[in-house]
Amino acid sequence: MVRTRHVSIRACASPLDFPRVGIIVPRHGQSAVDRNRLKRRLREIIRQDVLPADRGLDLIVRAAPGAYAVPFAELRTEVTGLVRRLIG
């Protein structure tokens, strides 16, 4: 598992022929609208940047409380950097 201030990512080899991704966005005192917005942002980052480069890994992405206030570009940089570290 690797983490930054805003997200943590855990990976393991996928037993299937395709990657799977789980996204966890805890409440942290936020509204449903804010949680759904953060989930959509994380899904888009995964779809565009992570899945094309994935080598058969299952990923679990967990948002930290500070992730709600982070701009999209910074969140993208953190997630892609963490995935690069995991893939190695």
PDB file of N, CA and C in Angstrom:
ATOM      1  N   MET A   1       0.849  -1.178   0.000  1.00  0.00           N
ATOM      2  CA  MET A   1       0.000   0.000   0.000  1.00  0.00           C
ATOM      3  C   MET A   1       0.889   1.233   0.000  1.00  0.00           C
ATOM      4  N   VAL A   2       0.480   2.207  -0.797  1.00  0.00           N
ATOM      5  CA  VAL A   2       1.154   3.502  -0.820  1.00  0.00           C
ATOM      6  C   VAL A   2       0.104   4.576  -0.578  1.00  0.00           C
ATOM      7  N   ARG A   3       0.553   5.695   0.001  1.00  0.00           N
ATOM      8  CA  ARG A   3      -0.415   6.747   0.289  1.00  0.00           C
ATOM      9  C   ARG A   3       0.220   8.130   0.214  1.00  0.00           C
ATOM     10  N   THR A   4      -0.658   9.093   0.026  1.00  0.00           N
ATOM     11  CA  THR A   4      -0.297  10.500   0.119  1.00  0.00           C
ATOM     12  C   THR A   4      -1.253  11.113   1.141  1.00  0.00           C
ATOM     13  N   ARG A   5      -1.239  12.426   1.226  1.00  0.00           N
ATOM     14  CA  ARG A   5      -2.144  13.081   2.175  1.00  0.00           C
ATOM     15  C   ARG A   5      -3.610  12.917   1.783  1.00  0.00           C
ATOM     16  N   HIS A   6      -3.882  12.704   0.485  1.00  0.00           N
ATOM     17  CA  HIS A   6      -5.265  12.710   0.015  1.00  0.00           C
ATOM     18  C   HIS A   6      -5.817  11.359  -0.416  1.00  0.00           C
ATOM     19  N   VAL A   7      -4.962  10.431  -0.798  1.00  0.00           N
ATOM     20  CA  VAL A   7      -5.438   9.108  -1.227  1.00  0.00           C
ATOM     21  C   VAL A   7      -4.450   8.027  -0.801  1.00  0.00           C
ATOM     22  N   SER A   8      -4.972   6.810  -0.684  1.00  0.00           N
ATOM     23  CA  SER A   8      -4.105   5.647  -0.500  1.00  0.00           C
ATOM     24  C   SER A   8      -4.561   4.600  -1.506  1.00  0.00           C
ATOM     25  N   ILE A   9      -3.598   3.843  -2.011  1.00  0.00           N
ATOM     26  CA  ILE A   9      -3.893   2.838  -3.023  1.00  0.00           C
ATOM     27  C   ILE A   9      -3.244   1.529  -2.608  1.00  0.00           C
ATOM     28  N   ARG A  10      -4.023   0.485  -2.695  1.00  0.00           N
ATOM     29  CA  ARG A  10      -3.552  -0.866  -2.405  1.00  0.00           C
ATOM     30  C   ARG A  10      -3.713  -1.677  -3.683  1.00  0.00           C
ATOM     31  N   ALA A  11      -2.745  -2.517  -4.001  1.00  0.00           N
ATOM     32  CA  ALA A  11      -2.799  -3.296  -5.239  1.00  0.00           C
ATOM     33  C   ALA A  11      -2.426  -4.744  -4.968  1.00  0.00           C
ATOM     34  N   CYS A  12      -2.984  -5.624  -5.778  1.00  0.00           N
ATOM     35  CA  CYS A  12      -2.591  -7.036  -5.773  1.00  0.00           C
ATOM     36  C   CYS A  12      -2.819  -7.583  -7.177  1.00  0.00           C
ATOM     37  N   ALA A  13      -2.180  -8.668  -7.484  1.00  0.00           N
ATOM     38  CA  ALA A  13      -2.305  -9.273  -8.802  1.00  0.00           C
ATOM     39  C   ALA A  13      -3.740  -9.738  -9.023  1.00  0.00           C
ATOM     40  N   SER A  14      -4.243  -9.506 -10.211  1.00  0.00           N
ATOM     41  CA  SER A  14      -5.604  -9.908 -10.538  1.00  0.00           C
ATOM     42  C   SER A  14      -5.634 -11.353 -11.017  1.00  0.00           C
ATOM     43  N   PRO A  15      -6.520 -12.154 -10.472  1.00  0.00           N
ATOM     44  CA  PRO A  15      -6.632 -13.533 -10.954  1.00  0.00           C
ATOM     45  C   PRO A  15      -7.392 -13.619 -12.283  1.00  0.00           C
ATOM     46  N   LEU A  16      -7.943 -12.517 -12.720  1.00  0.00           N
ATOM     47  CA  LEU A  16      -8.730 -12.467 -13.949  1.00  0.00           C
ATOM     48  C   LEU A  16      -7.904 -11.879 -15.087  1.00  0.00           C
ATOM     49  N   ASP A  17      -8.478 -11.872 -16.280  1.00  0.00           N
ATOM     50  CA  ASP A  17      -7.780 -11.332 -17.450  1.00  0.00           C
ATOM     51  C   ASP A  17      -7.920  -9.823 -17.577  1.00  0.00           C
ATOM     52  N   PHE A  18      -8.580  -9.205 -16.627  1.00  0.00           N
ATOM     53  CA  PHE A  18      -8.792  -7.763 -16.700  1.00  0.00           C
ATOM     54  C   PHE A  18      -8.613  -7.157 -15.313  1.00  0.00           C
ATOM     55  N   PRO A  19      -8.261  -5.874 -15.263  1.00  0.00           N
ATOM     56  CA  PRO A  19      -8.086  -5.224 -13.952  1.00  0.00           C
ATOM     57  C   PRO A  19      -9.434  -4.874 -13.331  1.00  0.00           C
ATOM     58  N   ARG A  20      -9.428  -4.792 -11.998  1.00  0.00           N
ATOM     59  CA  ARG A  20     -10.607  -4.340 -11.269  1.00  0.00           C
ATOM     60  C   ARG A  20     -10.180  -3.205 -10.350  1.00  0.00           C
ATOM     61  N   VAL A  21     -11.102  -2.266 -10.124  1.00  0.00           N
ATOM     62  CA  VAL A  21     -10.798  -1.116  -9.278  1.00  0.00           C
ATOM     63  C   VAL A  21     -11.960  -0.902  -8.316  1.00  0.00           C
ATOM     64  N   GLY A  22     -11.626  -0.727  -7.044  1.00  0.00           N
ATOM     65  CA  GLY A  22     -12.605  -0.371  -6.035  1.00  0.00           C
ATOM     66  C   GLY A  22     -12.275   1.011  -5.503  1.00  0.00           C
ATOM     67  N   ILE A  23     -13.287   1.853  -5.375  1.00  0.00           N
ATOM     68  CA  ILE A  23     -13.079   3.220  -4.888  1.00  0.00           C
ATOM     69  C   ILE A  23     -13.864   3.388  -3.595  1.00  0.00           C
ATOM     70  N   ILE A  24     -13.161   3.808  -2.548  1.00  0.00           N
ATOM     71  CA  ILE A  24     -13.776   4.004  -1.243  1.00  0.00           C
ATOM     72  C   ILE A  24     -13.706   5.487  -0.905  1.00  0.00           C
ATOM     73  N   VAL A  25     -14.864   6.080  -0.688  1.00  0.00           N
ATOM     74  CA  VAL A  25     -14.941   7.498  -0.323  1.00  0.00           C
ATOM     75  C   VAL A  25     -15.764   7.588   0.957  1.00  0.00           C
ATOM     76  N   PRO A  26     -15.099   7.581   2.126  1.00  0.00           N
ATOM     77  CA  PRO A  26     -15.827   7.685   3.396  1.00  0.00           C
ATOM     78  C   PRO A  26     -16.520   9.042   3.551  1.00  0.00           C
ATOM     79  N   ARG A  27     -17.463   9.096   4.444  1.00  0.00           N
ATOM     80  CA  ARG A  27     -18.256  10.315   4.628  1.00  0.00           C
ATOM     81  C   ARG A  27     -17.421  11.504   5.083  1.00  0.00           C
ATOM     82  N   HIS A  28     -16.622  11.340   6.105  1.00  0.00           N
ATOM     83  CA  HIS A  28     -15.797  12.421   6.657  1.00  0.00           C
ATOM     84  C   HIS A  28     -16.603  13.697   6.861  1.00  0.00           C
ATOM     85  N   GLY A  29     -17.878  13.564   7.193  1.00  0.00           N
ATOM     86  CA  GLY A  29     -18.711  14.733   7.455  1.00  0.00           C
ATOM     87  C   GLY A  29     -19.151  15.476   6.212  1.00  0.00           C
ATOM     88  N   GLN A  30     -19.024  14.878   5.062  1.00  0.00           N
ATOM     89  CA  GLN A  30     -19.383  15.528   3.797  1.00  0.00           C
ATOM     90  C   GLN A  30     -20.776  15.087   3.354  1.00  0.00           C
ATOM     91  N   SER A  31     -21.378  15.882   2.481  1.00  0.00           N
ATOM     92  CA  SER A  31     -22.703  15.546   1.964  1.00  0.00           C
ATOM     93  C   SER A  31     -22.587  14.482   0.864  1.00  0.00           C
ATOM     94  N   ALA A  32     -23.715  13.894   0.518  1.00  0.00           N
ATOM     95  CA  ALA A  32     -23.745  12.892  -0.549  1.00  0.00           C
ATOM     96  C   ALA A  32     -23.296  13.502  -1.870  1.00  0.00           C
ATOM     97  N   VAL A  33     -23.637  14.745  -2.103  1.00  0.00           N
ATOM     98  CA  VAL A  33     -23.227  15.421  -3.339  1.00  0.00           C
ATOM     99  C   VAL A  33     -21.705  15.502  -3.417  1.00  0.00           C
ATOM    100  N   ASP A  34     -21.065  15.880  -2.323  1.00  0.00           N
ATOM    101  CA  ASP A  34     -19.604  15.978  -2.297  1.00  0.00           C
ATOM    102  C   ASP A  34     -18.949  14.609  -2.475  1.00  0.00           C
ATOM    103  N   ARG A  35     -19.500  13.592  -1.821  1.00  0.00           N
ATOM    104  CA  ARG A  35     -18.942  12.238  -1.965  1.00  0.00           C
ATOM    105  C   ARG A  35     -19.078  11.744  -3.390  1.00  0.00           C
ATOM    106  N   ASN A  36     -20.229  11.951  -4.003  1.00  0.00           N
ATOM    107  CA  ASN A  36     -20.422  11.512  -5.385  1.00  0.00           C
ATOM    108  C   ASN A  36     -19.514  12.263  -6.352  1.00  0.00           C
ATOM    109  N   ARG A  37     -19.299  13.544  -6.106  1.00  0.00           N
ATOM    110  CA  ARG A  37     -18.402  14.328  -6.960  1.00  0.00           C
ATOM    111  C   ARG A  37     -16.974  13.781  -6.870  1.00  0.00           C
ATOM    112  N   LEU A  38     -16.526  13.476  -5.679  1.00  0.00           N
ATOM    113  CA  LEU A  38     -15.183  12.935  -5.499  1.00  0.00           C
ATOM    114  C   LEU A  38     -15.067  11.555  -6.150  1.00  0.00           C
ATOM    115  N   LYS A  39     -16.095  10.722  -6.010  1.00  0.00           N
ATOM    116  CA  LYS A  39     -16.074   9.407  -6.658  1.00  0.00           C
ATOM    117  C   LYS A  39     -15.996   9.540  -8.179  1.00  0.00           C
ATOM    118  N   ARG A  40     -16.746  10.475  -8.745  1.00  0.00           N
ATOM    119  CA  ARG A  40     -16.706  10.689 -10.200  1.00  0.00           C
ATOM    120  C   ARG A  40     -15.328  11.144 -10.640  1.00  0.00           C
ATOM    121  N   ARG A  41     -14.719  12.028  -9.866  1.00  0.00           N
ATOM    122  CA  ARG A  41     -13.376  12.504 -10.203  1.00  0.00           C
ATOM    123  C   ARG A  41     -12.372  11.364 -10.162  1.00  0.00           C
ATOM    124  N   LEU A  42     -12.421  10.546  -9.124  1.00  0.00           N
ATOM    125  CA  LEU A  42     -11.492   9.416  -9.021  1.00  0.00           C
ATOM    126  C   LEU A  42     -11.731   8.398 -10.139  1.00  0.00           C
ATOM    127  N   ARG A  43     -12.994   8.120 -10.457  1.00  0.00           N
ATOM    128  CA  ARG A  43     -13.297   7.187 -11.551  1.00  0.00           C
ATOM    129  C   ARG A  43     -12.739   7.686 -12.880  1.00  0.00           C
ATOM    130  N   GLU A  44     -12.864   8.977 -13.114  1.00  0.00           N
ATOM    131  CA  GLU A  44     -12.354   9.543 -14.371  1.00  0.00           C
ATOM    132  C   GLU A  44     -10.834   9.453 -14.451  1.00  0.00           C
ATOM    133  N   ILE A  45     -10.154   9.712 -13.361  1.00  0.00           N
ATOM    134  CA  ILE A  45      -8.691   9.587 -13.332  1.00  0.00           C
ATOM    135  C   ILE A  45      -8.289   8.139 -13.604  1.00  0.00           C
ATOM    136  N   ILE A  46      -8.961   7.212 -12.965  1.00  0.00           N
ATOM    137  CA  ILE A  46      -8.664   5.787 -13.161  1.00  0.00           C
ATOM    138  C   ILE A  46      -8.923   5.410 -14.616  1.00  0.00           C
ATOM    139  N   ARG A  47     -10.044   5.821 -15.159  1.00  0.00           N
ATOM    140  CA  ARG A  47     -10.418   5.469 -16.532  1.00  0.00           C
ATOM    141  C   ARG A  47      -9.420   5.996 -17.550  1.00  0.00           C
ATOM    142  N   GLN A  48      -9.004   7.248 -17.402  1.00  0.00           N
ATOM    143  CA  GLN A  48      -8.127   7.876 -18.386  1.00  0.00           C
ATOM    144  C   GLN A  48      -6.663   7.511 -18.215  1.00  0.00           C
ATOM    145  N   ASP A  49      -6.179   7.476 -16.988  1.00  0.00           N
ATOM    146  CA  ASP A  49      -4.738   7.386 -16.761  1.00  0.00           C
ATOM    147  C   ASP A  49      -4.247   6.045 -16.242  1.00  0.00           C
ATOM    148  N   VAL A  50      -5.059   5.346 -15.491  1.00  0.00           N
ATOM    149  CA  VAL A  50      -4.570   4.140 -14.825  1.00  0.00           C
ATOM    150  C   VAL A  50      -4.885   2.874 -15.614  1.00  0.00           C
ATOM    151  N   LEU A  51      -6.124   2.685 -16.025  1.00  0.00           N
ATOM    152  CA  LEU A  51      -6.501   1.444 -16.693  1.00  0.00           C
ATOM    153  C   LEU A  51      -5.744   1.187 -17.995  1.00  0.00           C
ATOM    154  N   PRO A  52      -5.480   2.189 -18.828  1.00  0.00           N
ATOM    155  CA  PRO A  52      -4.700   1.903 -20.037  1.00  0.00           C
ATOM    156  C   PRO A  52      -3.289   1.395 -19.732  1.00  0.00           C
ATOM    157  N   ALA A  53      -2.706   1.788 -18.613  1.00  0.00           N
ATOM    158  CA  ALA A  53      -1.343   1.375 -18.262  1.00  0.00           C
ATOM    159  C   ALA A  53      -1.313   0.175 -17.331  1.00  0.00           C
ATOM    160  N   ASP A  54      -2.487  -0.301 -16.913  1.00  0.00           N
ATOM    161  CA  ASP A  54      -2.555  -1.370 -15.924  1.00  0.00           C
ATOM    162  C   ASP A  54      -2.065  -2.691 -16.504  1.00  0.00           C
ATOM    163  N   ARG A  55      -1.384  -3.448 -15.677  1.00  0.00           N
ATOM    164  CA  ARG A  55      -0.841  -4.739 -16.080  1.00  0.00           C
ATOM    165  C   ARG A  55      -1.490  -5.876 -15.300  1.00  0.00           C
ATOM    166  N   GLY A  56      -2.797  -5.885 -15.247  1.00  0.00           N
ATOM    167  CA  GLY A  56      -3.492  -6.962 -14.560  1.00  0.00           C
ATOM    168  C   GLY A  56      -3.477  -6.857 -13.054  1.00  0.00           C
ATOM    169  N   LEU A  57      -3.656  -5.655 -12.535  1.00  0.00           N
ATOM    170  CA  LEU A  57      -3.705  -5.455 -11.093  1.00  0.00           C
ATOM    171  C   LEU A  57      -5.126  -5.151 -10.646  1.00  0.00           C
ATOM    172  N   ASP A  58      -5.434  -5.576  -9.441  1.00  0.00           N
ATOM    173  CA  ASP A  58      -6.647  -5.130  -8.779  1.00  0.00           C
ATOM    174  C   ASP A  58      -6.241  -3.992  -7.859  1.00  0.00           C
ATOM    175  N   LEU A  59      -6.943  -2.869  -7.934  1.00  0.00           N
ATOM    176  CA  LEU A  59      -6.609  -1.688  -7.144  1.00  0.00           C
ATOM    177  C   LEU A  59      -7.758  -1.326  -6.220  1.00  0.00           C
ATOM    178  N   ILE A  60      -7.408  -0.856  -5.030  1.00  0.00           N
ATOM    179  CA  ILE A  60      -8.372  -0.266  -4.115  1.00  0.00           C
ATOM    180  C   ILE A  60      -7.878   1.148  -3.827  1.00  0.00           C
ATOM    181  N   VAL A  61      -8.695   2.129  -4.178  1.00  0.00           N
ATOM    182  CA  VAL A  61      -8.359   3.539  -3.986  1.00  0.00           C
ATOM    183  C   VAL A  61      -9.234   4.066  -2.866  1.00  0.00           C
ATOM    184  N   ARG A  62      -8.599   4.611  -1.830  1.00  0.00           N
ATOM    185  CA  ARG A  62      -9.341   5.144  -0.678  1.00  0.00           C
ATOM    186  C   ARG A  62      -9.030   6.631  -0.523  1.00  0.00           C
ATOM    187  N   ALA A  63     -10.070   7.429  -0.469  1.00  0.00           N
ATOM    188  CA  ALA A  63      -9.915   8.873  -0.321  1.00  0.00           C
ATOM    189  C   ALA A  63      -9.766   9.237   1.155  1.00  0.00           C
ATOM    190  N   ALA A  64      -8.892  10.188   1.428  1.00  0.00           N
ATOM    191  CA  ALA A  64      -8.708  10.732   2.772  1.00  0.00           C
ATOM    192  C   ALA A  64      -9.586  11.978   2.917  1.00  0.00           C
ATOM    193  N   PRO A  65      -9.760  12.483   4.131  1.00  0.00           N
ATOM    194  CA  PRO A  65     -10.613  13.656   4.323  1.00  0.00           C
ATOM    195  C   PRO A  65     -10.195  14.866   3.488  1.00  0.00           C
ATOM    196  N   GLY A  66      -8.911  15.060   3.279  1.00  0.00           N
ATOM    197  CA  GLY A  66      -8.446  16.216   2.516  1.00  0.00           C
ATOM    198  C   GLY A  66      -8.716  16.138   1.034  1.00  0.00           C
ATOM    199  N   ALA A  67      -9.105  14.983   0.516  1.00  0.00           N
ATOM    200  CA  ALA A  67      -9.318  14.809  -0.923  1.00  0.00           C
ATOM    201  C   ALA A  67     -10.498  15.619  -1.444  1.00  0.00           C
ATOM    202  N   TYR A  68     -11.429  15.944  -0.559  1.00  0.00           N
ATOM    203  CA  TYR A  68     -12.604  16.703  -0.988  1.00  0.00           C
ATOM    204  C   TYR A  68     -12.239  18.105  -1.481  1.00  0.00           C
ATOM    205  N   ALA A  69     -11.189  18.697  -0.938  1.00  0.00           N
ATOM    206  CA  ALA A  69     -10.845  20.081  -1.253  1.00  0.00           C
ATOM    207  C   ALA A  69      -9.738  20.212  -2.297  1.00  0.00           C
ATOM    208  N   VAL A  70      -9.203  19.105  -2.775  1.00  0.00           N
ATOM    209  CA  VAL A  70      -8.065  19.140  -3.693  1.00  0.00           C
ATOM    210  C   VAL A  70      -8.545  19.379  -5.124  1.00  0.00           C
ATOM    211  N   PRO A  71      -7.868  20.264  -5.878  1.00  0.00           N
ATOM    212  CA  PRO A  71      -8.219  20.446  -7.291  1.00  0.00           C
ATOM    213  C   PRO A  71      -7.994  19.159  -8.083  1.00  0.00           C
ATOM    214  N   PHE A  72      -8.741  19.020  -9.176  1.00  0.00           N
ATOM    215  CA  PHE A  72      -8.693  17.812  -9.989  1.00  0.00           C
ATOM    216  C   PHE A  72      -7.272  17.510 -10.481  1.00  0.00           C
ATOM    217  N   ALA A  73      -6.550  18.510 -10.938  1.00  0.00           N
ATOM    218  CA  ALA A  73      -5.202  18.290 -11.470  1.00  0.00           C
ATOM    219  C   ALA A  73      -4.263  17.732 -10.398  1.00  0.00           C
ATOM    220  N   GLU A  74      -4.361  18.241  -9.188  1.00  0.00           N
ATOM    221  CA  GLU A  74      -3.510  17.746  -8.106  1.00  0.00           C
ATOM    222  C   GLU A  74      -3.883  16.319  -7.715  1.00  0.00           C
ATOM    223  N   LEU A  75      -5.176  16.033  -7.682  1.00  0.00           N
ATOM    224  CA  LEU A  75      -5.637  14.682  -7.381  1.00  0.00           C
ATOM    225  C   LEU A  75      -5.150  13.702  -8.450  1.00  0.00           C
ATOM    226  N   ARG A  76      -5.221  14.114  -9.699  1.00  0.00           N
ATOM    227  CA  ARG A  76      -4.736  13.282 -10.816  1.00  0.00           C
ATOM    228  C   ARG A  76      -3.244  13.002 -10.670  1.00  0.00           C
ATOM    229  N   THR A  77      -2.473  14.019 -10.339  1.00  0.00           N
ATOM    230  CA  THR A  77      -1.029  13.845 -10.168  1.00  0.00           C
ATOM    231  C   THR A  77      -0.731  12.857  -9.050  1.00  0.00           C
ATOM    232  N   GLU A  78      -1.432  12.977  -7.943  1.00  0.00           N
ATOM    233  CA  GLU A  78      -1.204  12.069  -6.819  1.00  0.00           C
ATOM    234  C   GLU A  78      -1.558  10.630  -7.172  1.00  0.00           C
ATOM    235  N   VAL A  79      -2.721  10.422  -7.768  1.00  0.00           N
ATOM    236  CA  VAL A  79      -3.165   9.059  -8.081  1.00  0.00           C
ATOM    237  C   VAL A  79      -2.241   8.416  -9.114  1.00  0.00           C
ATOM    238  N   THR A  80      -1.923   9.114 -10.174  1.00  0.00           N
ATOM    239  CA  THR A  80      -1.053   8.519 -11.200  1.00  0.00           C
ATOM    240  C   THR A  80       0.348   8.269 -10.655  1.00  0.00           C
ATOM    241  N   GLY A  81       0.840   9.150  -9.794  1.00  0.00           N
ATOM    242  CA  GLY A  81       2.152   8.941  -9.183  1.00  0.00           C
ATOM    243  C   GLY A  81       2.173   7.709  -8.287  1.00  0.00           C
ATOM    244  N   LEU A  82       1.109   7.528  -7.508  1.00  0.00           N
ATOM    245  CA  LEU A  82       1.030   6.359  -6.640  1.00  0.00           C
ATOM    246  C   LEU A  82       0.949   5.072  -7.452  1.00  0.00           C
ATOM    247  N   VAL A  83       0.179   5.093  -8.523  1.00  0.00           N
ATOM    248  CA  VAL A  83       0.069   3.884  -9.357  1.00  0.00           C
ATOM    249  C   VAL A  83       1.411   3.564 -10.015  1.00  0.00           C
ATOM    250  N   ARG A  84       2.125   4.584 -10.463  1.00  0.00           N
ATOM    251  CA  ARG A  84       3.467   4.350 -11.040  1.00  0.00           C
ATOM    252  C   ARG A  84       4.391   3.712 -10.011  1.00  0.00           C
ATOM    253  N   ARG A  85       4.326   4.168  -8.768  1.00  0.00           N
ATOM    254  CA  ARG A  85       5.150   3.571  -7.716  1.00  0.00           C
ATOM    255  C   ARG A  85       4.781   2.119  -7.478  1.00  0.00           C
ATOM    256  N   LEU A  86       3.499   1.792  -7.535  1.00  0.00           N
ATOM    257  CA  LEU A  86       3.063   0.420  -7.313  1.00  0.00           C
ATOM    258  C   LEU A  86       3.469  -0.499  -8.466  1.00  0.00           C
ATOM    259  N   ILE A  87       3.299  -0.009  -9.685  1.00  0.00           N
ATOM    260  CA  ILE A  87       3.642  -0.824 -10.856  1.00  0.00           C
ATOM    261  C   ILE A  87       5.147  -0.989 -10.964  1.00  0.00           C
ATOM    262  N   GLY A  88       5.852   0.072 -10.609  1.00  0.00           N
ATOM    263  CA  GLY A  88       7.277   0.066 -10.455  1.00  0.00           C
ATOM    264  C   GLY A  88       8.121  -0.035 -11.629  1.00  0.00           C
TER     265      GLY A  88
END
